[in-house]
Amino acid sequence: MTTTMAPDETLDRRSATRVGMIVIARHGQPHADRTVRVDRSGYREWWAGYDLAGLHPDEKPPEKLLDLAARSDVIYASTLQRAIHTAQMVAGGREIVTDPVFVEAPLPPPPIWGRHRPGSWGVWARVAWWLGMHERGESRAEAELRAEAAVATLTAQALRGQNVLLCAHGWFNRMMRPILKAQGWREIEDGGDEYWSYRRYEKVK
């Protein structure tokens, strides 16, 4: 006996077998002065302002990222302005879904004396945070759990057949990579780690 499926049922079964791609991008260059020299408390204030900053007025998204955004069914961004602004610049007026699960891992300044540029403070702060200093903020262990939740948000859409683009942050994007790999997602395009960089993933069959 031959069973004929209704058109809608056939479409549902086909979409259920398709798995979308995941693209994870870093934001563009923020509009922030990295030449200043600040002490520890000054860096804390600088970082707070950095989290409120959008992108530099001269920033333009690369064509490859614009193409990937055009192919995406869902575009996510963290709730920080530099990520939102990045997503807006590639989305072409389409809806952006913002979620705090994608925000950057914190950078509390370590107890170092002297006045230094924000880039130097950032390196020392990341090392100190990685080793356990978090000043009652989010710890490394807590951020790792958040990275798992972030990956779950992305893969839930991709496993439904949706192409997904996330505009987020350098370090937190790195934290998601081993989780994706462990779940069978292969990095098929490595765009590096600079501003506007991206990495593209597909599910291993």
N, C-alpha and C. Protein backbone atom coordinates (compact mmCIF):
# COMPACT_ATOMS: atom_id res chain seq x y z
N MET A 1 0.85 -1.19 0.00
CA MET A 1 0.00 0.00 0.00
C MET A 1 0.89 1.24 0.00
N THR A 2 0.57 2.19 -0.85
CA THR A 2 1.34 3.43 -0.94
C THR A 2 0.64 4.52 -0.16
N THR A 3 1.40 5.20 0.69
CA THR A 3 0.85 6.31 1.49
C THR A 3 1.30 7.62 0.89
N THR A 4 0.36 8.49 0.61
CA THR A 4 0.66 9.80 0.04
C THR A 4 0.60 10.84 1.14
N MET A 5 1.69 11.59 1.30
CA MET A 5 1.72 12.62 2.33
C MET A 5 1.18 13.93 1.78
N ALA A 6 0.54 14.66 2.62
CA ALA A 6 0.05 15.99 2.25
C ALA A 6 1.25 16.89 1.99
N PRO A 7 1.11 17.91 1.13
CA PRO A 7 2.24 18.82 0.82
C PRO A 7 2.86 19.45 2.05
N ASP A 8 2.03 19.86 3.02
CA ASP A 8 2.57 20.50 4.22
C ASP A 8 3.41 19.52 5.02
N GLU A 9 2.96 18.27 5.08
CA GLU A 9 3.69 17.27 5.84
C GLU A 9 5.03 16.97 5.18
N THR A 10 5.03 16.92 3.85
CA THR A 10 6.29 16.70 3.13
C THR A 10 7.27 17.81 3.40
N LEU A 11 6.79 19.06 3.38
CA LEU A 11 7.65 20.22 3.66
C LEU A 11 8.20 20.16 5.07
N ASP A 12 7.34 19.78 6.03
CA ASP A 12 7.79 19.69 7.41
C ASP A 12 8.91 18.67 7.57
N ARG A 13 8.77 17.51 6.89
CA ARG A 13 9.78 16.47 7.01
C ARG A 13 11.10 16.89 6.37
N ARG A 14 11.01 17.59 5.25
CA ARG A 14 12.23 18.07 4.60
C ARG A 14 12.95 19.09 5.45
N SER A 15 12.20 20.04 6.02
CA SER A 15 12.82 21.07 6.85
C SER A 15 13.40 20.48 8.12
N ALA A 16 12.79 19.38 8.59
CA ALA A 16 13.29 18.75 9.81
C ALA A 16 14.65 18.09 9.59
N THR A 17 14.95 17.68 8.34
CA THR A 17 16.22 17.02 8.07
C THR A 17 17.33 18.02 7.73
N ARG A 18 16.99 19.24 7.40
CA ARG A 18 17.98 20.24 7.06
C ARG A 18 18.51 20.90 8.32
N VAL A 19 19.81 21.12 8.36
CA VAL A 19 20.43 21.81 9.48
C VAL A 19 21.07 23.09 8.95
N GLY A 20 20.80 24.21 9.59
CA GLY A 20 21.34 25.48 9.14
C GLY A 20 22.78 25.69 9.58
N MET A 21 23.39 26.72 9.04
CA MET A 21 24.75 27.08 9.44
C MET A 21 24.69 28.07 10.60
N ILE A 22 25.80 28.17 11.32
CA ILE A 22 25.95 29.13 12.40
C ILE A 22 27.17 30.00 12.09
N VAL A 23 26.97 31.31 12.09
CA VAL A 23 28.07 32.25 11.88
C VAL A 23 28.20 33.09 13.16
N ILE A 24 29.38 33.10 13.72
CA ILE A 24 29.64 33.88 14.94
C ILE A 24 30.66 34.97 14.60
N ALA A 25 30.22 36.22 14.70
CA ALA A 25 31.05 37.36 14.30
C ALA A 25 31.44 38.22 15.50
N ARG A 26 32.58 38.86 15.38
CA ARG A 26 32.97 39.86 16.36
C ARG A 26 32.51 41.23 15.86
N HIS A 27 32.20 42.11 16.79
CA HIS A 27 31.74 43.45 16.45
C HIS A 27 32.82 44.25 15.73
N GLY A 28 32.40 45.36 15.12
CA GLY A 28 33.34 46.28 14.51
C GLY A 28 34.07 47.11 15.55
N GLN A 29 34.92 48.02 15.07
CA GLN A 29 35.73 48.82 16.00
C GLN A 29 34.88 49.84 16.74
N PRO A 30 34.86 49.79 18.07
CA PRO A 30 34.06 50.74 18.84
C PRO A 30 34.63 52.17 18.78
N HIS A 31 33.76 53.11 19.06
CA HIS A 31 34.16 54.52 19.09
C HIS A 31 34.69 54.83 20.49
N ALA A 32 35.95 54.48 20.73
CA ALA A 32 36.55 54.65 22.05
C ALA A 32 38.03 54.99 21.89
N ASP A 33 38.54 55.81 22.79
CA ASP A 33 39.93 56.25 22.74
C ASP A 33 40.82 55.23 23.44
N ARG A 34 41.65 54.54 22.67
CA ARG A 34 42.55 53.54 23.25
C ARG A 34 43.96 54.11 23.49
N THR A 35 44.15 55.40 23.25
CA THR A 35 45.47 55.99 23.43
C THR A 35 45.66 56.58 24.82
N VAL A 36 44.58 56.74 25.57
CA VAL A 36 44.68 57.35 26.90
C VAL A 36 45.45 56.42 27.84
N ARG A 37 46.04 57.01 28.86
CA ARG A 37 46.69 56.23 29.92
C ARG A 37 45.92 56.45 31.21
N VAL A 38 45.50 55.38 31.83
CA VAL A 38 44.64 55.47 33.01
C VAL A 38 45.16 54.54 34.10
N ASP A 39 44.81 54.88 35.34
CA ASP A 39 45.15 53.98 36.44
C ASP A 39 44.04 52.94 36.59
N ARG A 40 44.10 52.17 37.66
CA ARG A 40 43.15 51.06 37.82
C ARG A 40 41.71 51.54 37.85
N SER A 41 41.43 52.57 38.66
CA SER A 41 40.05 53.08 38.73
C SER A 41 39.66 53.73 37.41
N GLY A 42 40.63 54.38 36.75
CA GLY A 42 40.34 54.98 35.46
C GLY A 42 40.00 53.95 34.41
N TYR A 43 40.66 52.79 34.48
CA TYR A 43 40.33 51.73 33.52
C TYR A 43 38.93 51.19 33.77
N ARG A 44 38.55 51.10 35.04
CA ARG A 44 37.20 50.63 35.35
C ARG A 44 36.16 51.57 34.72
N GLU A 45 36.42 52.88 34.81
CA GLU A 45 35.52 53.87 34.21
C GLU A 45 35.57 53.79 32.69
N TRP A 46 36.78 53.60 32.15
CA TRP A 46 36.93 53.51 30.69
C TRP A 46 36.15 52.31 30.16
N TRP A 47 36.24 51.18 30.83
CA TRP A 47 35.54 49.98 30.37
C TRP A 47 34.02 50.15 30.45
N ALA A 48 33.55 50.85 31.48
CA ALA A 48 32.11 51.12 31.59
C ALA A 48 31.64 51.96 30.41
N GLY A 49 32.45 52.95 30.03
CA GLY A 49 32.10 53.76 28.87
C GLY A 49 32.19 52.98 27.58
N TYR A 50 33.15 52.08 27.49
CA TYR A 50 33.32 51.23 26.31
C TYR A 50 32.07 50.37 26.09
N ASP A 51 31.50 49.88 27.18
CA ASP A 51 30.29 49.06 27.08
C ASP A 51 29.08 49.85 26.60
N LEU A 52 29.15 51.17 26.69
CA LEU A 52 28.04 52.02 26.22
C LEU A 52 28.27 52.53 24.80
N ALA A 53 29.47 52.31 24.26
CA ALA A 53 29.84 52.91 22.98
C ALA A 53 29.34 52.09 21.80
N GLY A 54 28.93 52.81 20.75
CA GLY A 54 28.65 52.16 19.47
C GLY A 54 29.93 52.07 18.66
N LEU A 55 29.81 51.89 17.36
CA LEU A 55 30.99 51.77 16.51
C LEU A 55 31.51 53.13 16.05
N HIS A 56 32.77 53.15 15.68
CA HIS A 56 33.38 54.36 15.14
C HIS A 56 32.63 54.76 13.86
N PRO A 57 32.45 56.06 13.63
CA PRO A 57 31.68 56.52 12.46
C PRO A 57 32.23 56.05 11.12
N ASP A 58 33.52 55.73 11.05
CA ASP A 58 34.11 55.32 9.78
C ASP A 58 33.98 53.82 9.51
N GLU A 59 33.41 53.08 10.43
CA GLU A 59 33.35 51.63 10.27
C GLU A 59 32.40 51.20 9.15
N LYS A 60 32.81 50.18 8.41
CA LYS A 60 31.98 49.59 7.36
C LYS A 60 32.12 48.07 7.41
N PRO A 61 31.03 47.35 7.31
CA PRO A 61 31.12 45.88 7.37
C PRO A 61 31.71 45.31 6.09
N PRO A 62 32.47 44.23 6.18
CA PRO A 62 33.01 43.58 4.98
C PRO A 62 31.91 42.91 4.16
N GLU A 63 32.13 42.83 2.87
CA GLU A 63 31.13 42.26 1.97
C GLU A 63 30.79 40.81 2.32
N LYS A 64 31.78 40.03 2.72
CA LYS A 64 31.52 38.63 3.04
C LYS A 64 30.53 38.51 4.19
N LEU A 65 30.68 39.37 5.19
CA LEU A 65 29.76 39.31 6.33
C LEU A 65 28.37 39.79 5.92
N LEU A 66 28.30 40.79 5.06
CA LEU A 66 27.01 41.23 4.54
C LEU A 66 26.32 40.10 3.78
N ASP A 67 27.08 39.35 3.01
CA ASP A 67 26.50 38.23 2.26
C ASP A 67 25.98 37.15 3.21
N LEU A 68 26.74 36.85 4.24
CA LEU A 68 26.30 35.84 5.21
C LEU A 68 25.06 36.31 5.97
N ALA A 69 25.01 37.60 6.27
CA ALA A 69 23.83 38.15 6.94
C ALA A 69 22.60 38.03 6.05
N ALA A 70 22.78 38.27 4.75
CA ALA A 70 21.65 38.16 3.82
C ALA A 70 21.13 36.73 3.74
N ARG A 71 22.00 35.76 3.98
CA ARG A 71 21.61 34.36 3.93
C ARG A 71 21.06 33.86 5.26
N SER A 72 21.12 34.69 6.29
CA SER A 72 20.71 34.26 7.64
C SER A 72 19.21 34.44 7.84
N ASP A 73 18.63 33.48 8.52
CA ASP A 73 17.21 33.55 8.87
C ASP A 73 17.00 34.25 10.21
N VAL A 74 17.98 34.14 11.09
CA VAL A 74 17.91 34.77 12.41
C VAL A 74 19.22 35.50 12.66
N ILE A 75 19.14 36.75 13.13
CA ILE A 75 20.33 37.53 13.47
C ILE A 75 20.27 37.90 14.95
N TYR A 76 21.24 37.41 15.70
CA TYR A 76 21.33 37.70 17.13
C TYR A 76 22.42 38.73 17.40
N ALA A 77 22.28 39.43 18.53
CA ALA A 77 23.33 40.31 19.02
C ALA A 77 23.29 40.31 20.53
N SER A 78 24.42 40.57 21.15
CA SER A 78 24.40 40.79 22.60
C SER A 78 23.70 42.12 22.86
N THR A 79 23.48 42.43 24.10
CA THR A 79 22.76 43.65 24.46
C THR A 79 23.70 44.86 24.60
N LEU A 80 24.99 44.69 24.31
CA LEU A 80 25.92 45.82 24.35
C LEU A 80 25.88 46.56 23.03
N GLN A 81 26.06 47.88 23.09
CA GLN A 81 25.85 48.72 21.92
C GLN A 81 26.76 48.38 20.75
N ARG A 82 28.01 48.02 21.02
CA ARG A 82 28.92 47.73 19.91
C ARG A 82 28.47 46.50 19.12
N ALA A 83 27.84 45.55 19.80
CA ALA A 83 27.31 44.36 19.12
C ALA A 83 26.01 44.69 18.39
N ILE A 84 25.15 45.47 19.03
CA ILE A 84 23.88 45.85 18.39
C ILE A 84 24.14 46.67 17.14
N HIS A 85 25.06 47.64 17.24
CA HIS A 85 25.39 48.50 16.10
C HIS A 85 25.94 47.66 14.95
N THR A 86 26.79 46.69 15.27
CA THR A 86 27.34 45.79 14.25
C THR A 86 26.23 45.02 13.55
N ALA A 87 25.32 44.46 14.34
CA ALA A 87 24.22 43.69 13.76
C ALA A 87 23.33 44.57 12.89
N GLN A 88 23.09 45.80 13.33
CA GLN A 88 22.27 46.72 12.54
C GLN A 88 22.92 47.03 11.19
N MET A 89 24.24 47.14 11.18
CA MET A 89 24.93 47.49 9.95
C MET A 89 24.93 46.36 8.92
N VAL A 90 24.76 45.13 9.38
CA VAL A 90 24.75 44.00 8.43
C VAL A 90 23.34 43.49 8.15
N ALA A 91 22.38 43.87 9.00
CA ALA A 91 21.04 43.28 8.89
C ALA A 91 20.20 43.89 7.78
N GLY A 92 20.55 45.07 7.32
CA GLY A 92 19.79 45.69 6.25
C GLY A 92 18.35 46.00 6.62
N GLY A 93 18.13 46.41 7.86
CA GLY A 93 16.79 46.78 8.30
C GLY A 93 15.96 45.63 8.82
N ARG A 94 16.50 44.41 8.79
CA ARG A 94 15.76 43.26 9.29
C ARG A 94 15.78 43.21 10.81
N GLU A 95 14.93 42.40 11.39
CA GLU A 95 14.82 42.28 12.84
C GLU A 95 16.11 41.70 13.42
N ILE A 96 16.51 42.23 14.57
CA ILE A 96 17.65 41.72 15.34
C ILE A 96 17.14 41.24 16.69
N VAL A 97 17.57 40.07 17.09
CA VAL A 97 17.19 39.52 18.39
C VAL A 97 18.35 39.75 19.35
N THR A 98 18.15 40.56 20.38
CA THR A 98 19.20 40.82 21.36
C THR A 98 19.00 39.93 22.59
N ASP A 99 20.12 39.50 23.17
CA ASP A 99 20.04 38.59 24.32
C ASP A 99 21.29 38.79 25.17
N PRO A 100 21.13 39.06 26.48
CA PRO A 100 22.30 39.26 27.34
C PRO A 100 23.15 38.01 27.52
N VAL A 101 22.66 36.86 27.12
CA VAL A 101 23.46 35.64 27.23
C VAL A 101 24.73 35.73 26.38
N PHE A 102 24.76 36.65 25.40
CA PHE A 102 25.90 36.77 24.50
C PHE A 102 26.89 37.86 24.88
N VAL A 103 26.69 38.59 25.99
CA VAL A 103 27.58 39.70 26.31
C VAL A 103 28.99 39.21 26.62
N GLU A 104 29.94 40.13 26.53
CA GLU A 104 31.34 39.79 26.74
C GLU A 104 31.58 39.35 28.19
N ALA A 105 32.54 38.44 28.35
CA ALA A 105 32.97 38.08 29.69
C ALA A 105 33.61 39.30 30.35
N PRO A 106 33.44 39.46 31.67
CA PRO A 106 33.88 40.70 32.34
C PRO A 106 35.40 40.84 32.38
N LEU A 107 35.83 42.10 32.58
CA LEU A 107 37.26 42.41 32.65
C LEU A 107 37.56 43.29 33.87
N PRO A 108 37.41 42.78 35.09
CA PRO A 108 37.75 43.59 36.27
C PRO A 108 39.25 43.83 36.33
N PRO A 109 39.69 45.08 36.56
CA PRO A 109 41.13 45.37 36.53
C PRO A 109 41.85 44.75 37.72
N PRO A 110 42.99 44.11 37.50
CA PRO A 110 43.77 43.54 38.60
C PRO A 110 44.49 44.63 39.38
N PRO A 111 45.00 44.33 40.56
CA PRO A 111 45.68 45.34 41.40
C PRO A 111 47.09 45.64 40.88
N ILE A 112 47.15 46.40 39.80
CA ILE A 112 48.42 46.81 39.21
C ILE A 112 48.53 48.33 39.31
N TRP A 113 49.71 48.82 39.71
CA TRP A 113 49.91 50.25 39.88
C TRP A 113 50.32 50.90 38.56
N GLY A 114 50.13 52.22 38.52
CA GLY A 114 50.58 52.98 37.38
C GLY A 114 49.46 53.28 36.39
N ARG A 115 49.81 54.07 35.40
CA ARG A 115 48.87 54.47 34.36
C ARG A 115 49.28 53.77 33.05
N HIS A 116 48.30 53.09 32.44
CA HIS A 116 48.59 52.30 31.26
C HIS A 116 47.45 52.47 30.25
N ARG A 117 47.71 52.09 29.03
CA ARG A 117 46.68 52.16 28.00
C ARG A 117 45.65 51.05 28.20
N PRO A 118 44.42 51.28 27.73
CA PRO A 118 43.36 50.28 27.90
C PRO A 118 43.71 48.90 27.35
N GLY A 119 44.47 48.85 26.23
CA GLY A 119 44.84 47.56 25.67
C GLY A 119 45.67 46.73 26.63
N SER A 120 46.60 47.38 27.32
CA SER A 120 47.43 46.66 28.31
C SER A 120 46.58 46.21 29.49
N TRP A 121 45.73 47.11 29.98
CA TRP A 121 44.84 46.73 31.07
C TRP A 121 43.97 45.53 30.67
N GLY A 122 43.51 45.52 29.45
CA GLY A 122 42.65 44.44 28.99
C GLY A 122 43.33 43.09 29.04
N VAL A 123 44.61 43.06 28.63
CA VAL A 123 45.36 41.80 28.66
C VAL A 123 45.54 41.32 30.10
N TRP A 124 45.99 42.21 30.97
CA TRP A 124 46.19 41.82 32.37
C TRP A 124 44.89 41.42 33.03
N ALA A 125 43.81 42.15 32.73
CA ALA A 125 42.52 41.84 33.33
C ALA A 125 42.02 40.48 32.88
N ARG A 126 42.20 40.15 31.61
CA ARG A 126 41.72 38.86 31.13
C ARG A 126 42.50 37.71 31.75
N VAL A 127 43.81 37.86 31.87
CA VAL A 127 44.61 36.82 32.50
C VAL A 127 44.19 36.63 33.96
N ALA A 128 44.03 37.75 34.68
CA ALA A 128 43.63 37.67 36.08
C ALA A 128 42.25 37.03 36.23
N TRP A 129 41.33 37.42 35.38
CA TRP A 129 39.98 36.84 35.43
C TRP A 129 40.03 35.34 35.13
N TRP A 130 40.81 34.95 34.14
CA TRP A 130 40.93 33.54 33.76
C TRP A 130 41.48 32.71 34.92
N LEU A 131 42.34 33.34 35.72
CA LEU A 131 42.95 32.64 36.86
C LEU A 131 42.10 32.70 38.12
N GLY A 132 40.96 33.40 38.05
CA GLY A 132 40.03 33.34 39.18
C GLY A 132 39.66 34.66 39.83
N MET A 133 40.25 35.78 39.43
CA MET A 133 39.92 37.06 40.04
C MET A 133 38.71 37.68 39.34
N HIS A 134 37.60 37.84 40.07
CA HIS A 134 36.40 38.37 39.41
C HIS A 134 35.66 39.42 40.23
N GLU A 135 36.21 39.81 41.38
CA GLU A 135 35.65 40.92 42.17
C GLU A 135 34.14 40.79 42.39
N ARG A 136 33.70 39.65 42.75
CA ARG A 136 32.29 39.38 43.05
C ARG A 136 31.39 39.51 41.82
N GLY A 137 31.99 39.65 40.65
CA GLY A 137 31.24 39.64 39.41
C GLY A 137 31.16 38.23 38.85
N GLU A 138 30.87 38.12 37.58
CA GLU A 138 30.76 36.81 36.96
C GLU A 138 32.13 36.12 36.93
N SER A 139 32.20 34.91 37.43
CA SER A 139 33.44 34.16 37.44
C SER A 139 33.63 33.44 36.11
N ARG A 140 34.81 32.88 35.94
CA ARG A 140 35.08 32.09 34.74
C ARG A 140 34.13 30.90 34.65
N ALA A 141 33.92 30.21 35.77
CA ALA A 141 33.03 29.05 35.77
C ALA A 141 31.60 29.45 35.39
N GLU A 142 31.16 30.60 35.90
CA GLU A 142 29.81 31.07 35.57
C GLU A 142 29.71 31.46 34.10
N ALA A 143 30.76 32.08 33.57
CA ALA A 143 30.76 32.47 32.15
C ALA A 143 30.78 31.23 31.26
N GLU A 144 31.46 30.18 31.68
CA GLU A 144 31.48 28.95 30.90
C GLU A 144 30.09 28.32 30.83
N LEU A 145 29.36 28.39 31.94
CA LEU A 145 27.97 27.90 31.92
C LEU A 145 27.11 28.77 31.00
N ARG A 146 27.37 30.07 31.02
CA ARG A 146 26.62 30.98 30.15
C ARG A 146 26.95 30.69 28.68
N ALA A 147 28.20 30.36 28.40
CA ALA A 147 28.58 30.02 27.04
C ALA A 147 27.83 28.79 26.56
N GLU A 148 27.61 27.83 27.44
CA GLU A 148 26.83 26.65 27.07
C GLU A 148 25.39 27.05 26.73
N ALA A 149 24.83 27.96 27.52
CA ALA A 149 23.47 28.43 27.25
C ALA A 149 23.41 29.21 25.94
N ALA A 150 24.46 29.98 25.67
CA ALA A 150 24.51 30.75 24.42
C ALA A 150 24.55 29.82 23.22
N VAL A 151 25.37 28.79 23.30
CA VAL A 151 25.44 27.81 22.21
C VAL A 151 24.10 27.12 22.02
N ALA A 152 23.45 26.79 23.12
CA ALA A 152 22.14 26.14 23.03
C ALA A 152 21.13 27.02 22.32
N THR A 153 21.21 28.32 22.53
CA THR A 153 20.31 29.26 21.85
C THR A 153 20.54 29.23 20.34
N LEU A 154 21.80 29.23 19.94
CA LEU A 154 22.13 29.22 18.51
C LEU A 154 21.78 27.89 17.85
N THR A 155 22.17 26.81 18.49
CA THR A 155 21.96 25.49 17.87
C THR A 155 20.48 25.12 17.81
N ALA A 156 19.69 25.62 18.74
CA ALA A 156 18.26 25.32 18.71
C ALA A 156 17.64 25.82 17.41
N GLN A 157 18.10 26.98 16.95
CA GLN A 157 17.59 27.52 15.69
C GLN A 157 18.18 26.77 14.49
N ALA A 158 19.49 26.53 14.52
CA ALA A 158 20.14 25.88 13.39
C ALA A 158 19.62 24.46 13.19
N LEU A 159 19.35 23.74 14.25
CA LEU A 159 18.85 22.38 14.13
C LEU A 159 17.42 22.34 13.59
N ARG A 160 16.77 23.47 13.60
CA ARG A 160 15.43 23.58 12.99
C ARG A 160 15.51 23.99 11.52
N GLY A 161 16.74 24.08 11.00
CA GLY A 161 16.91 24.42 9.61
C GLY A 161 17.14 25.89 9.34
N GLN A 162 17.37 26.69 10.39
CA GLN A 162 17.57 28.13 10.23
C GLN A 162 19.06 28.46 10.16
N ASN A 163 19.45 29.32 9.22
CA ASN A 163 20.80 29.87 9.22
C ASN A 163 20.86 30.98 10.26
N VAL A 164 21.89 30.95 11.10
CA VAL A 164 21.97 31.84 12.26
C VAL A 164 23.25 32.68 12.20
N LEU A 165 23.11 33.96 12.46
CA LEU A 165 24.26 34.87 12.59
C LEU A 165 24.22 35.51 13.95
N LEU A 166 25.35 35.48 14.65
CA LEU A 166 25.48 36.15 15.94
C LEU A 166 26.56 37.22 15.83
N CYS A 167 26.25 38.43 16.29
CA CYS A 167 27.22 39.52 16.40
C CYS A 167 27.51 39.71 17.88
N ALA A 168 28.72 39.36 18.30
CA ALA A 168 29.02 39.39 19.73
C ALA A 168 30.45 39.87 19.95
N HIS A 169 31.22 39.16 20.78
CA HIS A 169 32.46 39.71 21.32
C HIS A 169 33.61 38.71 21.24
N GLY A 170 34.82 39.28 21.16
CA GLY A 170 36.01 38.48 20.93
C GLY A 170 36.21 37.32 21.89
N TRP A 171 36.26 37.62 23.19
CA TRP A 171 36.58 36.55 24.14
C TRP A 171 35.42 35.59 24.33
N PHE A 172 34.22 36.09 24.45
CA PHE A 172 33.09 35.20 24.67
C PHE A 172 32.87 34.31 23.45
N ASN A 173 33.13 34.83 22.25
CA ASN A 173 33.05 33.99 21.06
C ASN A 173 34.03 32.82 21.16
N ARG A 174 35.24 33.09 21.68
CA ARG A 174 36.22 32.02 21.87
C ARG A 174 35.71 30.96 22.84
N MET A 175 34.99 31.39 23.86
CA MET A 175 34.50 30.45 24.86
C MET A 175 33.43 29.51 24.29
N MET A 176 32.75 29.93 23.25
CA MET A 176 31.74 29.08 22.64
C MET A 176 32.32 28.03 21.69
N ARG A 177 33.52 28.28 21.18
CA ARG A 177 34.09 27.39 20.16
C ARG A 177 34.23 25.94 20.61
N PRO A 178 34.85 25.67 21.77
CA PRO A 178 35.01 24.26 22.15
C PRO A 178 33.67 23.57 22.42
N ILE A 179 32.67 24.33 22.82
CA ILE A 179 31.36 23.74 23.07
C ILE A 179 30.73 23.32 21.76
N LEU A 180 30.81 24.17 20.75
CA LEU A 180 30.30 23.82 19.42
C LEU A 180 31.03 22.59 18.88
N LYS A 181 32.34 22.56 19.02
CA LYS A 181 33.12 21.43 18.52
C LYS A 181 32.71 20.14 19.21
N ALA A 182 32.53 20.20 20.53
CA ALA A 182 32.15 19.00 21.28
C ALA A 182 30.78 18.49 20.88
N GLN A 183 29.93 19.38 20.39
CA GLN A 183 28.59 18.99 19.98
C GLN A 183 28.51 18.62 18.50
N GLY A 184 29.65 18.53 17.84
CA GLY A 184 29.66 18.07 16.46
C GLY A 184 29.51 19.15 15.41
N TRP A 185 29.86 20.39 15.77
CA TRP A 185 29.82 21.48 14.79
C TRP A 185 31.24 21.72 14.30
N ARG A 186 31.42 21.72 13.00
CA ARG A 186 32.75 21.87 12.39
C ARG A 186 32.93 23.29 11.90
N GLU A 187 34.09 23.87 12.23
CA GLU A 187 34.42 25.21 11.75
C GLU A 187 34.90 25.09 10.30
N ILE A 188 34.09 25.57 9.37
CA ILE A 188 34.43 25.42 7.96
C ILE A 188 35.00 26.71 7.37
N GLU A 189 34.95 27.79 8.13
CA GLU A 189 35.54 29.05 7.66
C GLU A 189 36.04 29.82 8.87
N ASP A 190 37.33 30.14 8.85
CA ASP A 190 37.97 30.85 9.95
C ASP A 190 38.36 32.24 9.47
N GLY A 191 37.62 33.24 9.94
CA GLY A 191 37.89 34.62 9.53
C GLY A 191 38.78 35.37 10.49
N GLY A 192 39.37 34.68 11.48
CA GLY A 192 40.26 35.34 12.43
C GLY A 192 39.52 35.90 13.63
N ASP A 193 40.20 36.81 14.35
CA ASP A 193 39.65 37.33 15.60
C ASP A 193 39.65 38.86 15.68
N GLU A 194 39.91 39.52 14.57
CA GLU A 194 39.94 40.98 14.57
C GLU A 194 38.51 41.53 14.52
N TYR A 195 38.38 42.86 14.54
CA TYR A 195 37.07 43.48 14.36
C TYR A 195 36.45 43.02 13.05
N TRP A 196 35.18 42.76 13.06
CA TRP A 196 34.41 42.31 11.91
C TRP A 196 34.75 40.87 11.48
N SER A 197 35.59 40.18 12.22
CA SER A 197 35.92 38.81 11.86
C SER A 197 34.74 37.89 12.15
N TYR A 198 34.75 36.72 11.55
CA TYR A 198 33.67 35.76 11.79
C TYR A 198 34.20 34.36 11.58
N ARG A 199 33.50 33.39 12.14
CA ARG A 199 33.76 31.97 11.93
C ARG A 199 32.43 31.30 11.59
N ARG A 200 32.48 30.39 10.61
CA ARG A 200 31.26 29.73 10.15
C ARG A 200 31.32 28.25 10.50
N TYR A 201 30.17 27.74 10.98
CA TYR A 201 30.09 26.36 11.45
C TYR A 201 28.97 25.62 10.74
N GLU A 202 29.22 24.34 10.49
CA GLU A 202 28.19 23.44 9.99
C GLU A 202 28.21 22.17 10.82
N LYS A 203 27.07 21.53 10.92
CA LYS A 203 26.95 20.30 11.71
C LYS A 203 27.58 19.14 10.97
N VAL A 204 28.43 18.38 11.69
CA VAL A 204 29.02 17.19 11.10
C VAL A 204 27.95 16.12 10.96
N LYS A 205 27.82 15.54 9.78
CA LYS A 205 26.79 14.53 9.54
C LYS A 205 27.34 13.13 9.79
